Amino acid sequence: MKVDNLDGLSIENLWALYGSIHDKLKELGQIRSRNITGDRGEQLAIETYNRTKNLPKLQMAPPSTKNIDAISARGERYSIKTITLPNKTTGVFHGYGTPDKPIKEKKFEYLIIVVVNAYQPELVIELTWEDFFELKKWHSTMRAFNISLTKTVLEKSKIIFEKSSKSEEVASLS
């Protein structure tokens, strides 16, 4: 659903509307933190897994759980990162060492990357811990690792969901 008639609203009315929507989403349990985009990605990932046959059923990890966002019924740990188009890089993974001293301790079994546009899903992919460890890149400013959606990353990933009418931004990733 797209609201087309926002042009007549003042800046203050737009902020009030945004605040009302934010409060309602929080009341409904759709927002758990100040990271609305990350919360949306986690919600979309879990919903996608839970409604897709032959995928593990996921549930949210308890708030403030380090390194993971969801757990499968079998106890597998999932980290979930959200990318908002046109960006092509995840947020950073803190606590994984440095390029010269990477921490090899397995922090999760799977990484789910959710790509959104206007908070709607465009692409959901899954990488194993081993693939994440191989493909991660160092972000020198943040002093942590991240993942960029490159052709290699997409080739190694398992595509869980892809919007049927591929947007130009998602198509440009492959």
Protein backbone atom coordinates (compact mmCIF):
# COMPACT_ATOMS: atom_id res chain seq x y z
CA MET A 1 0.00 0.00 0.00
CA LYS A 2 1.35 3.38 -0.92
CA VAL A 3 -0.03 6.63 0.42
CA ASP A 4 -0.11 9.06 -2.48
CA ASN A 5 -1.59 12.13 -0.84
CA LEU A 6 1.18 13.33 1.48
CA ASP A 7 2.04 16.42 -0.56
CA GLY A 8 -0.44 18.68 1.27
CA LEU A 9 0.90 17.83 4.73
CA SER A 10 3.26 20.16 6.57
CA ILE A 11 6.62 18.96 7.86
CA GLU A 12 5.19 18.92 11.40
CA ASN A 13 2.18 16.86 10.28
CA LEU A 14 4.48 14.39 8.51
CA TRP A 15 6.54 13.97 11.70
CA ALA A 16 3.35 13.54 13.75
CA LEU A 17 2.12 10.90 11.32
CA TYR A 18 5.50 9.14 11.42
CA GLY A 19 5.43 9.24 15.24
CA SER A 20 1.93 7.75 15.33
CA ILE A 21 2.94 4.96 12.95
CA HIS A 22 6.12 4.31 14.95
CA ASP A 23 4.15 4.10 18.22
CA LYS A 24 1.58 1.73 16.70
CA LEU A 25 4.28 -0.55 15.27
CA LYS A 26 5.98 -0.63 18.68
CA GLU A 27 2.64 -1.42 20.39
CA LEU A 28 2.14 -4.29 17.93
CA GLY A 29 5.61 -5.66 18.69
CA GLN A 30 6.95 -4.91 15.21
CA ILE A 31 9.68 -2.62 16.51
CA ARG A 32 12.00 -3.84 19.29
CA SER A 33 14.81 -1.29 19.17
CA ARG A 34 15.79 2.12 17.81
CA ASN A 35 16.97 0.37 14.62
CA ILE A 36 13.68 0.32 12.73
CA THR A 37 15.25 -0.94 9.49
CA GLY A 38 17.00 -3.80 11.30
CA ASP A 39 13.82 -4.68 13.18
CA ARG A 40 11.88 -4.76 9.90
CA GLY A 41 14.49 -7.00 8.29
CA GLU A 42 14.39 -9.42 11.22
CA GLN A 43 10.60 -9.53 11.06
CA LEU A 44 10.63 -10.16 7.30
CA ALA A 45 13.29 -12.86 7.58
CA ILE A 46 11.42 -14.75 10.30
CA GLU A 47 8.07 -14.42 8.52
CA THR A 48 9.61 -15.63 5.24
CA TYR A 49 11.23 -18.67 6.87
CA ASN A 50 8.13 -19.57 8.88
CA ARG A 51 5.78 -19.49 5.90
CA THR A 52 8.10 -21.27 3.45
CA LYS A 53 7.90 -25.03 3.23
CA ASN A 54 11.16 -26.92 3.85
CA LEU A 55 12.79 -24.02 5.69
CA PRO A 56 13.43 -24.08 9.43
CA LYS A 57 10.91 -22.35 11.64
CA LEU A 58 12.53 -19.38 13.35
CA GLN A 59 11.80 -17.36 16.45
CA MET A 60 13.33 -14.12 17.67
CA ALA A 61 16.32 -14.47 19.95
CA PRO A 62 15.84 -12.76 23.32
CA PRO A 63 16.62 -9.01 23.27
CA SER A 64 20.32 -8.15 23.65
CA THR A 65 21.48 -11.64 22.64
CA LYS A 66 24.99 -11.22 21.22
CA ASN A 67 25.69 -12.07 17.57
CA ILE A 68 22.31 -13.64 16.75
CA ASP A 69 18.81 -12.43 16.02
CA ALA A 70 16.87 -15.66 15.57
CA ILE A 71 16.99 -19.31 16.59
CA SER A 72 15.54 -22.29 14.72
CA ALA A 73 13.45 -24.99 16.37
CA ARG A 74 16.58 -27.20 16.04
CA GLY A 75 18.72 -24.66 17.92
CA GLU A 76 20.57 -23.26 14.90
CA ARG A 77 21.64 -19.64 15.39
CA TYR A 78 20.89 -16.98 12.77
CA SER A 79 22.32 -13.50 12.39
CA ILE A 80 20.11 -11.19 10.33
CA LYS A 81 21.30 -8.06 8.53
CA THR A 82 19.15 -5.66 6.52
CA ILE A 83 20.24 -3.64 3.50
CA THR A 84 18.13 -0.73 2.26
CA LEU A 85 18.38 -0.18 -1.49
CA PRO A 86 20.27 1.39 -3.17
CA ASN A 87 22.93 0.40 -0.59
CA LYS A 88 24.67 -2.91 -1.19
CA THR A 89 26.51 -3.42 2.10
CA THR A 90 25.35 -4.72 5.45
CA GLY A 91 25.93 -3.04 8.74
CA VAL A 92 29.03 -4.15 10.58
CA PHE A 93 29.70 -7.25 12.66
CA HIS A 94 31.45 -6.19 15.86
CA GLY A 95 33.47 -8.64 17.93
CA TYR A 96 34.87 -10.74 15.08
CA GLY A 97 38.48 -9.64 15.45
CA THR A 98 40.57 -7.84 12.85
CA PRO A 99 41.95 -8.87 9.45
CA ASP A 100 45.27 -9.89 11.03
CA LYS A 101 43.63 -11.52 14.08
CA PRO A 102 40.18 -12.77 13.08
CA ILE A 103 38.14 -14.58 15.70
CA LYS A 104 37.41 -18.01 14.27
CA GLU A 105 34.93 -19.06 16.97
CA LYS A 106 31.64 -19.82 15.23
CA LYS A 107 29.17 -17.11 16.32
CA PHE A 108 26.19 -18.37 14.27
CA GLU A 109 25.33 -21.10 11.81
CA TYR A 110 23.67 -18.89 9.20
CA LEU A 111 23.57 -15.27 8.10
CA ILE A 112 20.34 -14.01 6.55
CA ILE A 113 20.57 -10.83 4.49
CA VAL A 114 17.28 -9.05 3.80
CA VAL A 115 17.24 -6.40 1.07
CA VAL A 116 14.38 -3.92 1.39
CA ASN A 117 13.03 -1.01 -0.61
CA ALA A 118 10.53 1.25 1.20
CA TYR A 119 10.53 -1.37 4.00
CA GLN A 120 9.23 -4.01 1.55
CA PRO A 121 11.25 -7.15 0.81
CA GLU A 122 13.16 -7.35 -2.46
CA LEU A 123 15.54 -10.21 -1.70
CA VAL A 124 16.28 -12.60 1.17
CA ILE A 125 19.45 -14.70 1.02
CA GLU A 126 21.23 -17.07 3.36
CA LEU A 127 24.94 -17.69 3.82
CA THR A 128 26.57 -20.33 5.99
CA TRP A 129 29.02 -19.31 8.71
CA GLU A 130 31.84 -20.66 6.55
CA ASP A 131 30.79 -18.55 3.55
CA PHE A 132 30.37 -15.47 5.76
CA PHE A 133 33.83 -15.99 7.23
CA GLU A 134 35.35 -16.29 3.75
CA LEU A 135 33.44 -13.37 2.18
CA LYS A 136 33.49 -10.78 4.97
CA LYS A 137 35.33 -7.52 4.28
CA TRP A 138 37.04 -5.17 6.71
CA HIS A 139 35.47 -1.74 7.21
CA SER A 140 38.47 0.28 8.37
CA THR A 141 36.49 3.28 9.63
CA MET A 142 34.13 1.15 11.73
CA ARG A 143 36.92 -1.29 12.65
CA ALA A 144 34.64 -4.25 12.03
CA PHE A 145 33.64 -6.62 9.22
CA ASN A 146 30.67 -6.39 6.86
CA ILE A 147 29.35 -8.12 3.73
CA SER A 148 28.78 -6.47 0.35
CA LEU A 149 26.28 -7.91 -2.10
CA THR A 150 28.67 -8.85 -4.86
CA LYS A 151 28.24 -11.38 -7.64
CA THR A 152 30.38 -13.83 -5.63
CA VAL A 153 28.24 -13.40 -2.51
CA LEU A 154 25.05 -13.95 -4.51
CA GLU A 155 26.51 -17.05 -6.21
CA LYS A 156 27.46 -18.59 -2.84
CA SER A 157 24.17 -17.70 -1.16
CA LYS A 158 20.95 -19.62 -1.02
CA ILE A 159 18.13 -17.44 -2.36
CA ILE A 160 15.23 -17.68 0.05
CA PHE A 161 13.01 -15.00 -1.51
CA GLU A 162 13.29 -12.82 -4.58
CA LYS A 163 10.63 -10.33 -5.54
CA SER A 164 9.05 -11.65 -8.73
CA SER A 165 9.28 -8.34 -10.58
CA LYS A 166 12.95 -7.69 -9.95
CA SER A 167 13.62 -4.06 -9.27
CA GLU A 168 16.44 -2.39 -11.20
CA GLU A 169 18.49 -2.05 -7.99
CA VAL A 170 18.29 -5.78 -7.19
CA ALA A 171 18.94 -6.70 -10.83
CA SER A 172 22.08 -4.57 -10.75
CA LEU A 173 23.45 -6.70 -7.90
CA SER A 174 23.75 -9.80 -10.06
